[in-house]
Amino acid sequence: MEITLKLFATLTDYLPTNRVDNAVRLQIKEGSTVQQIIDQFHLPEKLTHLVLVNGVYVDPADRASKVLTPDDVLAIWPPIAGG
């Protein structure tokens, strides 16, 4: 099945070169979880601050059990500081 992974700010460095801007379409196994995708891309836990699936927040405690479905959009932001 296919999903879209979007990484923002410094996390874009973790995307493969075939990306379009900050997004990539991924072929994943049915039953894959948010945490499995985070692990697949070696995203450091401290940099996966805000995680959304189709615009809905996924709490860190729920990432290992949140199963992705076809055409989901998984978006991840690092902590962002401003002034």
Protein backbone atom coordinates (compact mmCIF):
# COMPACT_ATOMS: atom_id res chain seq x y z
CA MET A 1 0.00 0.00 0.00
CA GLU A 2 1.08 3.58 -0.47
CA ILE A 3 1.26 6.53 1.94
CA THR A 4 2.78 10.00 1.84
CA LEU A 5 5.50 10.91 4.32
CA LYS A 6 6.11 14.61 4.91
CA LEU A 7 9.02 15.79 7.02
CA PHE A 8 9.51 19.42 7.99
CA ALA A 9 12.40 21.73 8.87
CA THR A 10 15.64 19.87 9.65
CA LEU A 11 13.94 16.48 9.30
CA THR A 12 13.89 16.84 5.49
CA ASP A 13 17.52 15.71 5.56
CA TYR A 14 16.23 12.21 6.41
CA LEU A 15 14.17 11.91 3.22
CA PRO A 16 15.48 10.04 0.18
CA THR A 17 16.66 11.99 -2.84
CA ASN A 18 13.57 11.07 -4.90
CA ARG A 19 11.41 13.35 -2.78
CA VAL A 20 9.28 16.22 -4.01
CA ASP A 21 10.05 19.17 -1.74
CA ASN A 22 9.49 17.75 1.75
CA ALA A 23 7.36 14.74 0.79
CA VAL A 24 7.79 11.25 -0.57
CA ARG A 25 5.32 8.56 -1.57
CA LEU A 26 6.15 5.28 0.15
CA GLN A 27 5.23 1.68 -0.50
CA ILE A 28 4.76 0.10 2.93
CA LYS A 29 3.49 -3.22 4.22
CA GLU A 30 -0.13 -3.39 5.25
CA GLY A 31 -0.34 -3.10 9.02
CA SER A 32 2.69 -0.78 9.30
CA THR A 33 2.60 1.61 12.24
CA VAL A 34 3.67 5.21 12.62
CA GLN A 35 6.57 4.10 14.81
CA GLN A 36 7.78 1.62 12.20
CA ILE A 37 8.02 4.41 9.62
CA ILE A 38 9.82 6.66 12.12
CA ASP A 39 12.27 3.83 12.79
CA GLN A 40 12.68 3.02 9.07
CA PHE A 41 13.92 6.56 8.43
CA HIS A 42 16.09 6.59 11.58
CA LEU A 43 14.37 9.70 12.90
CA PRO A 44 15.71 10.52 16.37
CA GLU A 45 12.99 10.36 19.02
CA LYS A 46 13.87 13.83 20.31
CA LEU A 47 13.24 15.23 16.79
CA THR A 48 9.80 13.67 16.28
CA HIS A 49 8.01 16.28 18.33
CA LEU A 50 4.75 16.72 16.40
CA VAL A 51 3.34 13.74 14.51
CA LEU A 52 0.09 13.92 12.53
CA VAL A 53 -1.76 11.36 10.44
CA ASN A 54 -4.17 13.05 8.06
CA GLY A 55 -3.99 16.18 10.22
CA VAL A 56 -4.77 14.38 13.49
CA TYR A 57 -2.21 14.43 16.31
CA VAL A 58 -0.67 11.09 17.29
CA ASP A 59 0.54 11.03 20.89
CA PRO A 60 4.00 9.49 21.43
CA ALA A 61 2.42 6.71 23.50
CA ASP A 62 0.18 5.76 20.54
CA ARG A 63 2.76 5.75 17.73
CA ALA A 64 3.61 2.05 18.07
CA SER A 65 -0.04 1.04 17.82
CA LYS A 66 -1.33 3.57 15.24
CA VAL A 67 -1.69 1.53 12.04
CA LEU A 68 -1.46 3.41 8.76
CA THR A 69 -4.00 2.87 5.97
CA PRO A 70 -3.73 3.40 2.20
CA ASP A 71 -3.24 7.03 1.15
CA ASP A 72 -2.60 8.28 4.69
CA VAL A 73 -0.41 11.35 5.04
CA LEU A 74 2.11 11.06 7.85
CA ALA A 75 3.59 14.45 8.74
CA ILE A 76 6.36 14.97 11.28
CA TRP A 77 7.88 18.18 12.71
CA PRO A 78 10.86 18.62 15.00
CA PRO A 79 10.65 20.94 18.00
CA ILE A 80 10.63 24.51 16.75
CA ALA A 81 11.87 27.49 18.72
CA GLY A 82 11.05 31.03 17.87
CA GLY A 83 11.72 34.43 19.15
